[in-house]
Amino acid sequence: MVMEQKKIKETLSERVFTWVIYGILIVFCALILFPLLHIISGSFSDPMALLRGEVSFLPKGFTLTMYEKVFKDDSIWRAIATRFFTRYLERLSV
């Protein structure tokens, strides 16, 4: 025997509250995602286009030179190795 579940009807104030909360969440997501997207597109853009302020949400003059400069530096590899080593020691001590 299958029992039917009765759906509880929402009142108008509950529906308005739900949509207001959705709106607030969308605004907060936009406040977080738009600057993040700008930073990511800037990292893939031509450095001179970035200095001139031509970069918005899409990269201008796509290039990987920023990443080449970062990964050619030995200090980043030391930092990554140190992080993995300390994480490994933390796991062993637990």
Protein backbone atom coordinates (compact mmCIF):
# COMPACT_ATOMS: atom_id res chain seq x y z
CA MET A 1 0.00 0.00 0.00
CA VAL A 2 1.51 3.31 -1.11
CA MET A 3 0.64 6.33 0.96
CA GLU A 4 0.29 9.62 -0.81
CA GLN A 5 2.37 12.44 0.56
CA LYS A 6 0.60 15.73 0.85
CA LYS A 7 2.62 18.68 -0.29
CA ILE A 8 2.56 21.65 2.06
CA LYS A 9 1.62 24.80 0.19
CA GLU A 10 3.92 27.76 0.72
CA THR A 11 2.44 31.09 1.63
CA LEU A 12 3.13 34.21 -0.42
CA SER A 13 5.50 35.58 2.23
CA GLU A 14 7.51 32.33 2.20
CA ARG A 15 7.85 32.46 -1.58
CA VAL A 16 8.91 36.11 -1.49
CA PHE A 17 11.44 35.34 1.24
CA THR A 18 12.83 32.43 -0.81
CA TRP A 19 13.28 34.62 -3.90
CA VAL A 20 14.88 37.41 -1.87
CA ILE A 21 17.38 34.90 -0.45
CA TYR A 22 18.10 33.59 -3.97
CA GLY A 23 18.69 37.16 -5.14
CA ILE A 24 21.09 37.87 -2.27
CA LEU A 25 22.99 34.65 -3.01
CA ILE A 26 23.29 35.55 -6.69
CA VAL A 27 24.67 39.00 -5.80
CA PHE A 28 27.22 37.50 -3.38
CA CYS A 29 28.30 34.94 -5.99
CA ALA A 30 28.76 37.71 -8.54
CA LEU A 31 30.80 39.77 -6.05
CA ILE A 32 33.14 36.81 -5.63
CA LEU A 33 33.27 35.43 -9.18
CA PHE A 34 33.70 38.63 -11.22
CA PRO A 35 36.93 39.76 -9.51
CA LEU A 36 38.24 36.20 -9.64
CA LEU A 37 37.50 36.02 -13.36
CA HIS A 38 39.27 39.37 -13.85
CA ILE A 39 42.38 38.10 -12.04
CA ILE A 40 42.44 34.87 -14.06
CA SER A 41 42.01 36.69 -17.38
CA GLY A 42 44.75 39.13 -16.36
CA SER A 43 47.14 36.26 -15.71
CA PHE A 44 46.66 35.00 -19.28
CA SER A 45 46.82 38.45 -20.91
CA ASP A 46 49.66 40.41 -22.43
CA PRO A 47 51.39 42.36 -19.60
CA MET A 48 51.29 45.64 -21.54
CA ALA A 49 47.54 45.27 -22.22
CA LEU A 50 47.08 44.68 -18.52
CA LEU A 51 49.04 47.84 -17.63
CA ARG A 52 47.04 49.90 -20.13
CA GLY A 53 43.81 48.66 -18.51
CA GLU A 54 42.51 46.92 -21.63
CA VAL A 55 41.75 43.64 -19.86
CA SER A 56 38.28 43.07 -18.49
CA PHE A 57 36.82 39.57 -18.32
CA LEU A 58 38.43 38.11 -21.43
CA PRO A 59 42.21 37.96 -21.93
CA LYS A 60 43.74 40.39 -24.43
CA GLY A 61 46.75 39.07 -26.32
CA PHE A 62 46.69 35.55 -24.84
CA THR A 63 50.10 34.60 -23.46
CA LEU A 64 51.61 32.34 -20.82
CA THR A 65 54.61 34.56 -20.03
CA MET A 66 53.42 35.26 -16.48
CA TYR A 67 53.34 31.55 -15.73
CA GLU A 68 56.72 31.03 -17.41
CA LYS A 69 58.26 33.67 -15.13
CA VAL A 70 56.72 32.14 -12.02
CA PHE A 71 57.76 28.57 -12.77
CA LYS A 72 61.31 29.52 -13.87
CA ASP A 73 61.94 30.90 -10.39
CA ASP A 74 63.42 28.28 -8.05
CA SER A 75 61.71 29.71 -4.99
CA ILE A 76 58.29 28.51 -6.14
CA TRP A 77 59.55 24.95 -6.46
CA ARG A 78 61.13 25.16 -3.00
CA ALA A 79 57.85 26.41 -1.57
CA ILE A 80 55.90 23.61 -3.23
CA ALA A 81 58.37 20.97 -2.01
CA THR A 82 58.33 22.42 1.51
CA ARG A 83 54.54 22.39 1.55
CA PHE A 84 54.33 18.77 0.44
CA PHE A 85 57.05 17.70 2.87
CA THR A 86 55.43 19.40 5.85
CA ARG A 87 52.02 18.01 4.87
CA TYR A 88 53.52 14.52 4.69
CA LEU A 89 55.10 14.90 8.14
CA GLU A 90 51.80 16.15 9.55
CA ARG A 91 50.06 13.05 8.23
CA LEU A 92 52.69 10.79 9.76
CA SER A 93 52.40 12.40 13.17
CA VAL A 94 48.61 11.98 13.39
